[in-house]
């Protein structure tokens, strides 16, 4: 399995509640619909929880502010991901997801990377 991990940042003109609803409902439904075309086998949204104590601890370490969430997308393999994204249908689906993300995400702050999980505990 290969996983794409993206930091997700709220557009500044949206309230945290508007952002969460839009991501959890609208974008999630689009992802469910397009997952077969993109050969996605798993998609997980991790929504951040604001906590003043944690924010102060992170600032004390000199860390950057955390994103509003993390999105994780799994494929069976790197080859399966490339194959799905290389078709005209996959490219159209990927473009539809990107256009939808621009409706609620601050695209100037987004980042992502491909990864393989290594379980250490559990």
PDB file of N, CA and C in Angstrom:
ATOM      1  N   UNK A   1       0.850  -1.182   0.000  1.00  0.00           N
ATOM      2  CA  UNK A   1       0.000   0.000   0.000  1.00  0.00           C
ATOM      3  C   UNK A   1       0.891   1.241   0.000  1.00  0.00           C
ATOM      4  N   UNK A   2       0.392   2.270  -0.653  1.00  0.00           N
ATOM      5  CA  UNK A   2       1.057   3.564  -0.620  1.00  0.00           C
ATOM      6  C   UNK A   2       0.022   4.597  -0.204  1.00  0.00           C
ATOM      7  N   UNK A   3       0.484   5.597   0.525  1.00  0.00           N
ATOM      8  CA  UNK A   3      -0.439   6.593   1.068  1.00  0.00           C
ATOM      9  C   UNK A   3       0.044   7.989   0.717  1.00  0.00           C
ATOM     10  N   UNK A   4      -0.906   8.839   0.300  1.00  0.00           N
ATOM     11  CA  UNK A   4      -0.658  10.267   0.126  1.00  0.00           C
ATOM     12  C   UNK A   4      -1.209  10.968   1.357  1.00  0.00           C
ATOM     13  N   UNK A   5      -0.381  11.794   1.978  1.00  0.00           N
ATOM     14  CA  UNK A   5      -0.776  12.555   3.159  1.00  0.00           C
ATOM     15  C   UNK A   5      -0.736  14.030   2.794  1.00  0.00           C
ATOM     16  N   UNK A   6      -1.823  14.742   3.071  1.00  0.00           N
ATOM     17  CA  UNK A   6      -1.889  16.176   2.781  1.00  0.00           C
ATOM     18  C   UNK A   6      -2.263  16.951   4.031  1.00  0.00           C
ATOM     19  N   UNK A   7      -1.564  18.068   4.242  1.00  0.00           N
ATOM     20  CA  UNK A   7      -2.002  18.994   5.280  1.00  0.00           C
ATOM     21  C   UNK A   7      -3.159  19.793   4.697  1.00  0.00           C
ATOM     22  N   UNK A   8      -4.180  20.016   5.486  1.00  0.00           N
ATOM     23  CA  UNK A   8      -5.384  20.700   5.016  1.00  0.00           C
ATOM     24  C   UNK A   8      -5.561  21.973   5.839  1.00  0.00           C
ATOM     25  N   UNK A   9      -5.658  23.085   5.141  1.00  0.00           N
ATOM     26  CA  UNK A   9      -5.778  24.401   5.780  1.00  0.00           C
ATOM     27  C   UNK A   9      -7.083  25.065   5.363  1.00  0.00           C
ATOM     28  N   UNK A  10      -7.770  25.619   6.317  1.00  0.00           N
ATOM     29  CA  UNK A  10      -9.052  26.305   6.103  1.00  0.00           C
ATOM     30  C   UNK A  10      -8.831  27.632   5.379  1.00  0.00           C
ATOM     31  N   UNK A  11      -9.713  27.910   4.417  1.00  0.00           N
ATOM     32  CA  UNK A  11      -9.719  29.234   3.792  1.00  0.00           C
ATOM     33  C   UNK A  11     -10.053  30.271   4.853  1.00  0.00           C
ATOM     34  N   UNK A  12      -9.343  31.403   4.885  1.00  0.00           N
ATOM     35  CA  UNK A  12      -9.553  32.373   5.964  1.00  0.00           C
ATOM     36  C   UNK A  12     -10.935  33.024   5.971  1.00  0.00           C
ATOM     37  N   UNK A  13     -11.645  32.988   4.858  1.00  0.00           N
ATOM     38  CA  UNK A  13     -12.982  33.597   4.824  1.00  0.00           C
ATOM     39  C   UNK A  13     -14.070  32.654   5.338  1.00  0.00           C
ATOM     40  N   UNK A  14     -13.692  31.439   5.727  1.00  0.00           N
ATOM     41  CA  UNK A  14     -14.655  30.480   6.271  1.00  0.00           C
ATOM     42  C   UNK A  14     -14.455  30.341   7.776  1.00  0.00           C
ATOM     43  N   UNK A  15     -15.541  30.150   8.496  1.00  0.00           N
ATOM     44  CA  UNK A  15     -15.428  29.846   9.919  1.00  0.00           C
ATOM     45  C   UNK A  15     -14.944  28.402  10.059  1.00  0.00           C
ATOM     46  N   UNK A  16     -14.392  28.046  11.213  1.00  0.00           N
ATOM     47  CA  UNK A  16     -14.009  26.646  11.403  1.00  0.00           C
ATOM     48  C   UNK A  16     -15.187  25.689  11.192  1.00  0.00           C
ATOM     49  N   UNK A  17     -16.370  26.093  11.613  1.00  0.00           N
ATOM     50  CA  UNK A  17     -17.556  25.243  11.447  1.00  0.00           C
ATOM     51  C   UNK A  17     -17.921  25.072   9.973  1.00  0.00           C
ATOM     52  N   UNK A  18     -17.863  26.160   9.205  1.00  0.00           N
ATOM     53  CA  UNK A  18     -18.160  26.074   7.771  1.00  0.00           C
ATOM     54  C   UNK A  18     -17.153  25.163   7.067  1.00  0.00           C
ATOM     55  N   UNK A  19     -15.885  25.346   7.412  1.00  0.00           N
ATOM     56  CA  UNK A  19     -14.824  24.527   6.828  1.00  0.00           C
ATOM     57  C   UNK A  19     -15.049  23.044   7.121  1.00  0.00           C
ATOM     58  N   UNK A  20     -15.297  22.728   8.397  1.00  0.00           N
ATOM     59  CA  UNK A  20     -15.475  21.333   8.801  1.00  0.00           C
ATOM     60  C   UNK A  20     -16.663  20.702   8.091  1.00  0.00           C
ATOM     61  N   UNK A  21     -17.777  21.414   8.043  1.00  0.00           N
ATOM     62  CA  UNK A  21     -18.968  20.876   7.378  1.00  0.00           C
ATOM     63  C   UNK A  21     -18.707  20.638   5.896  1.00  0.00           C
ATOM     64  N   UNK A  22     -18.059  21.591   5.240  1.00  0.00           N
ATOM     65  CA  UNK A  22     -17.809  21.487   3.806  1.00  0.00           C
ATOM     66  C   UNK A  22     -16.877  20.320   3.494  1.00  0.00           C
ATOM     67  N   UNK A  23     -15.839  20.168   4.314  1.00  0.00           N
ATOM     68  CA  UNK A  23     -14.875  19.087   4.093  1.00  0.00           C
ATOM     69  C   UNK A  23     -15.496  17.735   4.428  1.00  0.00           C
ATOM     70  N   UNK A  24     -16.161  17.665   5.574  1.00  0.00           N
ATOM     71  CA  UNK A  24     -16.697  16.383   6.051  1.00  0.00           C
ATOM     72  C   UNK A  24     -17.864  15.896   5.197  1.00  0.00           C
ATOM     73  N   UNK A  25     -18.662  16.809   4.680  1.00  0.00           N
ATOM     74  CA  UNK A  25     -19.847  16.383   3.927  1.00  0.00           C
ATOM     75  C   UNK A  25     -19.660  16.513   2.423  1.00  0.00           C
ATOM     76  N   UNK A  26     -19.463  17.718   1.923  1.00  0.00           N
ATOM     77  CA  UNK A  26     -19.380  17.921   0.479  1.00  0.00           C
ATOM     78  C   UNK A  26     -18.197  17.227  -0.170  1.00  0.00           C
ATOM     79  N   UNK A  27     -17.006  17.477   0.375  1.00  0.00           N
ATOM     80  CA  UNK A  27     -15.809  16.892  -0.234  1.00  0.00           C
ATOM     81  C   UNK A  27     -15.774  15.379  -0.030  1.00  0.00           C
ATOM     82  N   UNK A  28     -16.199  14.935   1.126  1.00  0.00           N
ATOM     83  CA  UNK A  28     -16.214  13.487   1.393  1.00  0.00           C
ATOM     84  C   UNK A  28     -17.121  12.760   0.401  1.00  0.00           C
ATOM     85  N   UNK A  29     -18.265  13.347   0.105  1.00  0.00           N
ATOM     86  CA  UNK A  29     -19.181  12.716  -0.852  1.00  0.00           C
ATOM     87  C   UNK A  29     -18.559  12.665  -2.245  1.00  0.00           C
ATOM     88  N   UNK A  30     -17.893  13.743  -2.645  1.00  0.00           N
ATOM     89  CA  UNK A  30     -17.214  13.754  -3.941  1.00  0.00           C
ATOM     90  C   UNK A  30     -16.126  12.681  -3.974  1.00  0.00           C
ATOM     91  N   UNK A  31     -15.383  12.561  -2.902  1.00  0.00           N
ATOM     92  CA  UNK A  31     -14.333  11.540  -2.828  1.00  0.00           C
ATOM     93  C   UNK A  31     -14.933  10.134  -2.925  1.00  0.00           C
ATOM     94  N   UNK A  32     -16.039   9.902  -2.223  1.00  0.00           N
ATOM     95  CA  UNK A  32     -16.696   8.585  -2.312  1.00  0.00           C
ATOM     96  C   UNK A  32     -17.092   8.276  -3.755  1.00  0.00           C
ATOM     97  N   UNK A  33     -17.598   9.274  -4.445  1.00  0.00           N
ATOM     98  CA  UNK A  33     -18.050   9.079  -5.817  1.00  0.00           C
ATOM     99  C   UNK A  33     -16.884   8.828  -6.780  1.00  0.00           C
ATOM    100  N   UNK A  34     -15.757   9.520  -6.562  1.00  0.00           N
ATOM    101  CA  UNK A  34     -14.632   9.433  -7.496  1.00  0.00           C
ATOM    102  C   UNK A  34     -13.609   8.354  -7.135  1.00  0.00           C
ATOM    103  N   UNK A  35     -13.690   7.801  -5.939  1.00  0.00           N
ATOM    104  CA  UNK A  35     -12.705   6.802  -5.492  1.00  0.00           C
ATOM    105  C   UNK A  35     -12.566   5.627  -6.461  1.00  0.00           C
ATOM    106  N   UNK A  36     -13.651   5.064  -6.985  1.00  0.00           N
ATOM    107  CA  UNK A  36     -13.478   3.943  -7.924  1.00  0.00           C
ATOM    108  C   UNK A  36     -12.690   4.340  -9.178  1.00  0.00           C
ATOM    109  N   UNK A  37     -12.947   5.521  -9.706  1.00  0.00           N
ATOM    110  CA  UNK A  37     -12.224   5.992 -10.893  1.00  0.00           C
ATOM    111  C   UNK A  37     -10.743   6.155 -10.595  1.00  0.00           C
ATOM    112  N   UNK A  38     -10.440   6.666  -9.396  1.00  0.00           N
ATOM    113  CA  UNK A  38      -9.057   6.921  -9.006  1.00  0.00           C
ATOM    114  C   UNK A  38      -8.384   5.709  -8.358  1.00  0.00           C
ATOM    115  N   UNK A  39      -9.119   4.594  -8.246  1.00  0.00           N
ATOM    116  CA  UNK A  39      -8.606   3.354  -7.638  1.00  0.00           C
ATOM    117  C   UNK A  39      -8.141   3.576  -6.196  1.00  0.00           C
ATOM    118  N   UNK A  40      -8.818   4.487  -5.499  1.00  0.00           N
ATOM    119  CA  UNK A  40      -8.512   4.763  -4.099  1.00  0.00           C
ATOM    120  C   UNK A  40      -9.147   3.669  -3.253  1.00  0.00           C
ATOM    121  N   UNK A  41      -8.357   3.082  -2.349  1.00  0.00           N
ATOM    122  CA  UNK A  41      -8.870   1.998  -1.512  1.00  0.00           C
ATOM    123  C   UNK A  41      -9.236   2.471  -0.106  1.00  0.00           C
ATOM    124  N   UNK A  42      -8.744   3.646   0.281  1.00  0.00           N
ATOM    125  CA  UNK A  42      -9.099   4.190   1.595  1.00  0.00           C
ATOM    126  C   UNK A  42      -8.872   5.694   1.588  1.00  0.00           C
ATOM    127  N   UNK A  43      -9.755   6.420   2.265  1.00  0.00           N
ATOM    128  CA  UNK A  43      -9.627   7.874   2.413  1.00  0.00           C
ATOM    129  C   UNK A  43     -10.034   8.218   3.833  1.00  0.00           C
ATOM    130  N   UNK A  44      -9.168   8.941   4.541  1.00  0.00           N
ATOM    131  CA  UNK A  44      -9.432   9.314   5.929  1.00  0.00           C
ATOM    132  C   UNK A  44      -9.195  10.807   6.095  1.00  0.00           C
ATOM    133  N   UNK A  45     -10.129  11.459   6.760  1.00  0.00           N
ATOM    134  CA  UNK A  45      -9.970  12.858   7.156  1.00  0.00           C
ATOM    135  C   UNK A  45      -9.672  12.886   8.653  1.00  0.00           C
ATOM    136  N   UNK A  46      -8.656  13.632   9.041  1.00  0.00           N
ATOM    137  CA  UNK A  46      -8.357  13.855  10.449  1.00  0.00           C
ATOM    138  C   UNK A  46      -8.552  15.339  10.707  1.00  0.00           C
ATOM    139  N   UNK A  47      -9.571  15.660  11.487  1.00  0.00           N
ATOM    140  CA  UNK A  47      -9.911  17.054  11.777  1.00  0.00           C
ATOM    141  C   UNK A  47      -9.207  17.485  13.057  1.00  0.00           C
ATOM    142  N   UNK A  48      -8.467  18.595  12.981  1.00  0.00           N
ATOM    143  CA  UNK A  48      -7.741  19.100  14.137  1.00  0.00           C
ATOM    144  C   UNK A  48      -8.682  19.608  15.221  1.00  0.00           C
ATOM    145  N   UNK A  49      -8.221  19.507  16.456  1.00  0.00           N
ATOM    146  CA  UNK A  49      -8.953  20.021  17.612  1.00  0.00           C
ATOM    147  C   UNK A  49      -8.112  21.140  18.205  1.00  0.00           C
ATOM    148  N   UNK A  50      -8.682  22.326  18.301  1.00  0.00           N
ATOM    149  CA  UNK A  50      -7.963  23.458  18.878  1.00  0.00           C
ATOM    150  C   UNK A  50      -7.873  23.278  20.384  1.00  0.00           C
ATOM    151  N   UNK A  51      -6.665  23.478  20.903  1.00  0.00           N
ATOM    152  CA  UNK A  51      -6.435  23.335  22.333  1.00  0.00           C
ATOM    153  C   UNK A  51      -5.382  24.367  22.742  1.00  0.00           C
ATOM    154  N   UNK A  52      -5.759  25.288  23.610  1.00  0.00           N
ATOM    155  CA  UNK A  52      -4.867  26.381  23.991  1.00  0.00           C
ATOM    156  C   UNK A  52      -3.593  25.868  24.657  1.00  0.00           C
ATOM    157  N   UNK A  53      -3.714  24.887  25.523  1.00  0.00           N
ATOM    158  CA  UNK A  53      -2.539  24.334  26.199  1.00  0.00           C
ATOM    159  C   UNK A  53      -1.551  23.753  25.189  1.00  0.00           C
ATOM    160  N   UNK A  54      -2.067  22.988  24.235  1.00  0.00           N
ATOM    161  CA  UNK A  54      -1.199  22.415  23.209  1.00  0.00           C
ATOM    162  C   UNK A  54      -0.595  23.509  22.340  1.00  0.00           C
ATOM    163  N   UNK A  55      -1.413  24.499  21.943  1.00  0.00           N
ATOM    164  CA  UNK A  55      -0.896  25.600  21.127  1.00  0.00           C
ATOM    165  C   UNK A  55       0.266  26.295  21.822  1.00  0.00           C
ATOM    166  N   UNK A  56       0.143  26.531  23.126  1.00  0.00           N
ATOM    167  CA  UNK A  56       1.218  27.175  23.890  1.00  0.00           C
ATOM    168  C   UNK A  56       2.455  26.285  23.960  1.00  0.00           C
ATOM    169  N   UNK A  57       2.252  24.983  24.144  1.00  0.00           N
ATOM    170  CA  UNK A  57       3.384  24.052  24.201  1.00  0.00           C
ATOM    171  C   UNK A  57       4.124  24.012  22.865  1.00  0.00           C
ATOM    172  N   UNK A  58       3.378  23.990  21.769  1.00  0.00           N
ATOM    173  CA  UNK A  58       4.007  23.972  20.446  1.00  0.00           C
ATOM    174  C   UNK A  58       4.770  25.263  20.191  1.00  0.00           C
ATOM    175  N   UNK A  59       4.158  26.390  20.547  1.00  0.00           N
ATOM    176  CA  UNK A  59       4.819  27.685  20.374  1.00  0.00           C
ATOM    177  C   UNK A  59       6.089  27.746  21.213  1.00  0.00           C
ATOM    178  N   UNK A  60       6.045  27.173  22.415  1.00  0.00           N
ATOM    179  CA  UNK A  60       7.221  27.143  23.277  1.00  0.00           C
ATOM    180  C   UNK A  60       8.377  26.355  22.687  1.00  0.00           C
ATOM    181  N   UNK A  61       8.068  25.413  21.830  1.00  0.00           N
ATOM    182  CA  UNK A  61       9.104  24.627  21.149  1.00  0.00           C
ATOM    183  C   UNK A  61       9.552  25.288  19.852  1.00  0.00           C
ATOM    184  N   UNK A  62       8.882  26.377  19.482  1.00  0.00           N
ATOM    185  CA  UNK A  62       9.213  27.048  18.231  1.00  0.00           C
ATOM    186  C   UNK A  62       8.593  26.397  17.008  1.00  0.00           C
ATOM    187  N   UNK A  63       7.583  25.565  17.230  1.00  0.00           N
ATOM    188  CA  UNK A  63       6.925  24.874  16.117  1.00  0.00           C
ATOM    189  C   UNK A  63       5.972  25.814  15.392  1.00  0.00           C
ATOM    190  N   UNK A  64       5.688  25.481  14.158  1.00  0.00           N
ATOM    191  CA  UNK A  64       4.690  26.198  13.374  1.00  0.00           C
ATOM    192  C   UNK A  64       3.297  25.851  13.880  1.00  0.00           C
ATOM    193  N   UNK A  65       2.337  26.692  13.563  1.00  0.00           N
ATOM    194  CA  UNK A  65       0.942  26.387  13.889  1.00  0.00           C
ATOM    195  C   UNK A  65       0.511  25.148  13.117  1.00  0.00           C
ATOM    196  N   UNK A  66      -0.300  24.296  13.735  1.00  0.00           N
ATOM    197  CA  UNK A  66      -0.724  23.075  13.044  1.00  0.00           C
ATOM    198  C   UNK A  66      -1.769  23.378  11.970  1.00  0.00           C
ATOM    199  N   UNK A  67      -1.907  22.481  10.991  1.00  0.00           N
ATOM    200  CA  UNK A  67      -2.962  22.649   9.991  1.00  0.00           C
ATOM    201  C   UNK A  67      -4.327  22.395  10.624  1.00  0.00           C
ATOM    202  N   UNK A  68      -5.364  22.673   9.868  1.00  0.00           N
ATOM    203  CA  UNK A  68      -6.729  22.409  10.340  1.00  0.00           C
ATOM    204  C   UNK A  68      -7.071  20.928  10.262  1.00  0.00           C
ATOM    205  N   UNK A  69      -6.293  20.192   9.500  1.00  0.00           N
ATOM    206  CA  UNK A  69      -6.529  18.762   9.400  1.00  0.00           C
ATOM    207  C   UNK A  69      -5.513  18.088   8.507  1.00  0.00           C
ATOM    208  N   UNK A  70      -5.686  16.793   8.396  1.00  0.00           N
ATOM    209  CA  UNK A  70      -4.837  15.955   7.545  1.00  0.00           C
ATOM    210  C   UNK A  70      -5.768  15.068   6.718  1.00  0.00           C
ATOM    211  N   UNK A  71      -5.460  14.936   5.442  1.00  0.00           N
ATOM    212  CA  UNK A  71      -6.179  13.989   4.580  1.00  0.00           C
ATOM    213  C   UNK A  71      -5.208  12.880   4.193  1.00  0.00           C
ATOM    214  N   UNK A  72      -5.692  11.644   4.226  1.00  0.00           N
ATOM    215  CA  UNK A  72      -4.875  10.493   3.858  1.00  0.00           C
ATOM    216  C   UNK A  72      -5.612   9.691   2.789  1.00  0.00           C
ATOM    217  N   UNK A  73      -4.890   9.385   1.718  1.00  0.00           N
ATOM    218  CA  UNK A  73      -5.462   8.649   0.590  1.00  0.00           C
ATOM    219  C   UNK A  73      -4.563   7.453   0.295  1.00  0.00           C
ATOM    220  N   UNK A  74      -5.158   6.244   0.277  1.00  0.00           N
ATOM    221  CA  UNK A  74      -4.397   5.015   0.045  1.00  0.00           C
ATOM    222  C   UNK A  74      -4.717   4.415  -1.320  1.00  0.00           C
ATOM    223  N   UNK A  75      -3.676   3.849  -1.938  1.00  0.00           N
ATOM    224  CA  UNK A  75      -3.799   3.018  -3.135  1.00  0.00           C
ATOM    225  C   UNK A  75      -3.102   1.689  -2.853  1.00  0.00           C
ATOM    226  N   UNK A  76      -3.435   0.674  -3.614  1.00  0.00           N
ATOM    227  CA  UNK A  76      -2.797  -0.637  -3.448  1.00  0.00           C
ATOM    228  C   UNK A  76      -1.287  -0.565  -3.663  1.00  0.00           C
ATOM    229  N   UNK A  77      -0.855   0.290  -4.587  1.00  0.00           N
ATOM    230  CA  UNK A  77       0.577   0.415  -4.881  1.00  0.00           C
ATOM    231  C   UNK A  77       0.826   1.753  -5.569  1.00  0.00           C
ATOM    232  N   UNK A  78       2.095   2.113  -5.652  1.00  0.00           N
ATOM    233  CA  UNK A  78       2.477   3.317  -6.383  1.00  0.00           C
ATOM    234  C   UNK A  78       2.079   3.178  -7.849  1.00  0.00           C
ATOM    235  N   UNK A  79       2.271   1.986  -8.383  1.00  0.00           N
ATOM    236  CA  UNK A  79       1.918   1.734  -9.786  1.00  0.00           C
ATOM    237  C   UNK A  79       0.416   1.899 -10.019  1.00  0.00           C
ATOM    238  N   UNK A  80      -0.398   1.431  -9.069  1.00  0.00           N
ATOM    239  CA  UNK A  80      -1.855   1.581  -9.191  1.00  0.00           C
ATOM    240  C   UNK A  80      -2.255   3.050  -9.159  1.00  0.00           C
ATOM    241  N   UNK A  81      -1.598   3.832  -8.314  1.00  0.00           N
ATOM    242  CA  UNK A  81      -1.877   5.262  -8.239  1.00  0.00           C
ATOM    243  C   UNK A  81      -1.537   5.942  -9.567  1.00  0.00           C
ATOM    244  N   UNK A  82      -0.330   5.672 -10.078  1.00  0.00           N
ATOM    245  CA  UNK A  82       0.105   6.277 -11.338  1.00  0.00           C
ATOM    246  C   UNK A  82      -0.830   5.877 -12.475  1.00  0.00           C
ATOM    247  N   UNK A  83      -1.197   4.607 -12.532  1.00  0.00           N
ATOM    248  CA  UNK A  83      -2.088   4.131 -13.598  1.00  0.00           C
ATOM    249  C   UNK A  83      -3.430   4.847 -13.539  1.00  0.00           C
ATOM    250  N   UNK A  84      -3.995   4.982 -12.343  1.00  0.00           N
ATOM    251  CA  UNK A  84      -5.305   5.632 -12.208  1.00  0.00           C
ATOM    252  C   UNK A  84      -5.237   7.107 -12.568  1.00  0.00           C
ATOM    253  N   UNK A  85      -4.174   7.779 -12.145  1.00  0.00           N
ATOM    254  CA  UNK A  85      -4.047   9.217 -12.411  1.00  0.00           C
ATOM    255  C   UNK A  85      -3.619   9.511 -13.841  1.00  0.00           C
ATOM    256  N   UNK A  86      -3.202   8.500 -14.581  1.00  0.00           N
ATOM    257  CA  UNK A  86      -2.735   8.689 -15.956  1.00  0.00           C
ATOM    258  C   UNK A  86      -3.840   8.581 -16.994  1.00  0.00           C
ATOM    259  N   UNK A  87      -4.997   8.084 -16.611  1.00  0.00           N
ATOM    260  CA  UNK A  87      -6.097   7.967 -17.571  1.00  0.00           C
ATOM    261  C   UNK A  87      -6.813   9.308 -17.709  1.00  0.00           C
ATOM    262  N   UNK A  88      -7.478   9.545 -18.828  1.00  0.00           N
ATOM    263  CA  UNK A  88      -8.266  10.779 -18.954  1.00  0.00           C
ATOM    264  C   UNK A  88      -9.326  10.897 -17.855  1.00  0.00           C
ATOM    265  N   UNK A  89      -9.944   9.771 -17.496  1.00  0.00           N
ATOM    266  CA  UNK A  89     -10.962   9.785 -16.434  1.00  0.00           C
ATOM    267  C   UNK A  89     -10.330  10.120 -15.078  1.00  0.00           C
ATOM    268  N   UNK A  90      -9.156   9.562 -14.818  1.00  0.00           N
ATOM    269  CA  UNK A  90      -8.453   9.849 -13.575  1.00  0.00           C
ATOM    270  C   UNK A  90      -8.009  11.294 -13.494  1.00  0.00           C
ATOM    271  N   UNK A  91      -7.541  11.834 -14.607  1.00  0.00           N
ATOM    272  CA  UNK A  91      -7.132  13.239 -14.631  1.00  0.00           C
ATOM    273  C   UNK A  91      -8.330  14.155 -14.412  1.00  0.00           C
ATOM    274  N   UNK A  92      -9.472  13.818 -15.003  1.00  0.00           N
ATOM    275  CA  UNK A  92     -10.685  14.620 -14.801  1.00  0.00           C
ATOM    276  C   UNK A  92     -11.158  14.535 -13.351  1.00  0.00           C
ATOM    277  N   UNK A  93     -11.093  13.342 -12.768  1.00  0.00           N
ATOM    278  CA  UNK A  93     -11.496  13.173 -11.365  1.00  0.00           C
ATOM    279  C   UNK A  93     -10.572  13.952 -10.444  1.00  0.00           C
ATOM    280  N   UNK A  94      -9.273  13.887 -10.698  1.00  0.00           N
ATOM    281  CA  UNK A  94      -8.304  14.623  -9.890  1.00  0.00           C
ATOM    282  C   UNK A  94      -8.530  16.129 -10.011  1.00  0.00           C
ATOM    283  N   UNK A  95      -8.830  16.609 -11.206  1.00  0.00           N
ATOM    284  CA  UNK A  95      -9.114  18.033 -11.413  1.00  0.00           C
ATOM    285  C   UNK A  95     -10.385  18.447 -10.672  1.00  0.00           C
ATOM    286  N   UNK A  96     -11.388  17.575 -10.661  1.00  0.00           N
ATOM    287  CA  UNK A  96     -12.632  17.873  -9.935  1.00  0.00           C
ATOM    288  C   UNK A  96     -12.371  17.976  -8.437  1.00  0.00           C
ATOM    289  N   UNK A  97     -11.532  17.092  -7.905  1.00  0.00           N
ATOM    290  CA  UNK A  97     -11.185  17.158  -6.482  1.00  0.00           C
ATOM    291  C   UNK A  97     -10.429  18.441  -6.171  1.00  0.00           C
ATOM    292  N   UNK A  98      -9.479  18.815  -7.023  1.00  0.00           N
ATOM    293  CA  UNK A  98      -8.705  20.041  -6.803  1.00  0.00           C
ATOM    294  C   UNK A  98      -9.603  21.274  -6.842  1.00  0.00           C
ATOM    295  N   UNK A  99     -10.530  21.319  -7.783  1.00  0.00           N
ATOM    296  CA  UNK A  99     -11.453  22.457  -7.868  1.00  0.00           C
ATOM    297  C   UNK A  99     -12.325  22.532  -6.627  1.00  0.00           C
ATOM    298  N   UNK A 100     -12.766  21.383  -6.141  1.00  0.00           N
ATOM    299  CA  UNK A 100     -13.591  21.363  -4.935  1.00  0.00           C
ATOM    300  C   UNK A 100     -12.788  21.805  -3.715  1.00  0.00           C
ATOM    301  N   UNK A 101     -11.546  21.359  -3.610  1.00  0.00           N
ATOM    302  CA  UNK A 101     -10.699  21.744  -2.477  1.00  0.00           C
ATOM    303  C   UNK A 101     -10.514  23.257  -2.416  1.00  0.00           C
ATOM    304  N   UNK A 102     -10.420  23.901  -3.565  1.00  0.00           N
ATOM    305  CA  UNK A 102     -10.247  25.356  -3.599  1.00  0.00           C
ATOM    306  C   UNK A 102     -11.454  26.090  -3.027  1.00  0.00           C
ATOM    307  N   UNK A 103     -12.583  25.414  -2.923  1.00  0.00           N
ATOM    308  CA  UNK A 103     -13.793  26.029  -2.371  1.00  0.00           C
ATOM    309  C   UNK A 103     -13.742  26.168  -0.852  1.00  0.00           C
ATOM    310  N   UNK A 104     -12.891  25.386  -0.180  1.00  0.00           N
ATOM    311  CA  UNK A 104     -12.855  25.455   1.287  1.00  0.00           C
ATOM    312  C   UNK A 104     -11.443  25.435   1.872  1.00  0.00           C
ATOM    313  N   UNK A 105     -10.440  25.154   1.062  1.00  0.00           N
ATOM    314  CA  UNK A 105      -9.054  25.075   1.544  1.00  0.00           C
ATOM    315  C   UNK A 105      -8.247  26.291   1.109  1.00  0.00           C
ATOM    316  N   UNK A 106      -7.278  26.658   1.937  1.00  0.00           N
ATOM    317  CA  UNK A 106      -6.307  27.693   1.576  1.00  0.00           C
ATOM    318  C   UNK A 106      -5.203  26.992   0.785  1.00  0.00           C
ATOM    319  N   UNK A 107      -5.336  27.012  -0.521  1.00  0.00           N
ATOM    320  CA  UNK A 107      -4.435  26.252  -1.388  1.00  0.00           C
ATOM    321  C   UNK A 107      -2.989  26.733  -1.291  1.00  0.00           C
ATOM    322  N   UNK A 108      -2.778  27.989  -0.869  1.00  0.00           N
ATOM    323  CA  UNK A 108      -1.415  28.512  -0.766  1.00  0.00           C
ATOM    324  C   UNK A 108      -0.643  27.888   0.393  1.00  0.00           C
ATOM    325  N   UNK A 109      -1.335  27.227   1.313  1.00  0.00           N
ATOM    326  CA  UNK A 109      -0.679  26.613   2.471  1.00  0.00           C
ATOM    327  C   UNK A 109      -0.613  25.090   2.387  1.00  0.00           C
ATOM    328  N   UNK A 110      -1.335  24.506   1.467  1.00  0.00           N
ATOM    329  CA  UNK A 110      -1.425  23.044   1.387  1.00  0.00           C
ATOM    330  C   UNK A 110      -0.069  22.431   1.036  1.00  0.00           C
ATOM    331  N   UNK A 111       0.178  21.255   1.577  1.00  0.00           N
ATOM    332  CA  UNK A 111       1.352  20.477   1.192  1.00  0.00           C
ATOM    333  C   UNK A 111       0.996  18.999   1.319  1.00  0.00           C
ATOM    334  N   UNK A 112       1.794  18.161   0.699  1.00  0.00           N
ATOM    335  CA  UNK A 112       1.521  16.737   0.774  1.00  0.00           C
ATOM    336  C   UNK A 112       2.730  15.925   0.367  1.00  0.00           C
ATOM    337  N   UNK A 113       2.660  14.627   0.676  1.00  0.00           N
ATOM    338  CA  UNK A 113       3.763  13.738   0.335  1.00  0.00           C
ATOM    339  C   UNK A 113       3.257  12.305   0.261  1.00  0.00           C
ATOM    340  N   UNK A 114       3.969  11.478  -0.506  1.00  0.00           N
ATOM    341  CA  UNK A 114       3.692  10.045  -0.563  1.00  0.00           C
ATOM    342  C   UNK A 114       4.445   9.363   0.568  1.00  0.00           C
ATOM    343  N   UNK A 115       3.846   8.305   1.106  1.00  0.00           N
ATOM    344  CA  UNK A 115       4.478   7.639   2.247  1.00  0.00           C
ATOM    345  C   UNK A 115       4.117   6.159   2.293  1.00  0.00           C
ATOM    346  N   UNK A 116       4.899   5.443   3.078  1.00  0.00           N
ATOM    347  CA  UNK A 116       4.593   4.066   3.456  1.00  0.00           C
ATOM    348  C   UNK A 116       4.618   4.031   4.966  1.00  0.00           C
ATOM    349  N   UNK A 117       3.599   3.442   5.561  1.00  0.00           N
ATOM    350  CA  UNK A 117       3.534   3.372   7.017  1.00  0.00           C
ATOM    351  C   UNK A 117       4.492   2.318   7.549  1.00  0.00           C
ATOM    352  N   UNK A 118       5.102   2.635   8.673  1.00  0.00           N
ATOM    353  CA  UNK A 118       5.930   1.687   9.412  1.00  0.00           C
ATOM    354  C   UNK A 118       5.364   1.653  10.822  1.00  0.00           C
ATOM    355  N   UNK A 119       4.718   0.560  11.183  1.00  0.00           N
ATOM    356  CA  UNK A 119       4.110   0.446  12.505  1.00  0.00           C
ATOM    357  C   UNK A 119       5.200   0.204  13.540  1.00  0.00           C
ATOM    358  N   UNK A 120       5.191   1.020  14.586  1.00  0.00           N
ATOM    359  CA  UNK A 120       6.171   0.901  15.659  1.00  0.00           C
ATOM    360  C   UNK A 120       5.522   0.316  16.911  1.00  0.00           C
ATOM    361  N   UNK A 121       4.314   0.765  17.213  1.00  0.00           N
ATOM    362  CA  UNK A 121       3.548   0.256  18.355  1.00  0.00           C
ATOM    363  C   UNK A 121       2.143  -0.042  17.862  1.00  0.00           C
ATOM    364  N   UNK A 122       1.565  -1.144  18.299  1.00  0.00           N
ATOM    365  CA  UNK A 122       0.179  -1.453  17.928  1.00  0.00           C
ATOM    366  C   UNK A 122       0.132  -2.215  16.690  1.00  0.00           C
TER     367      UNK A 122
END
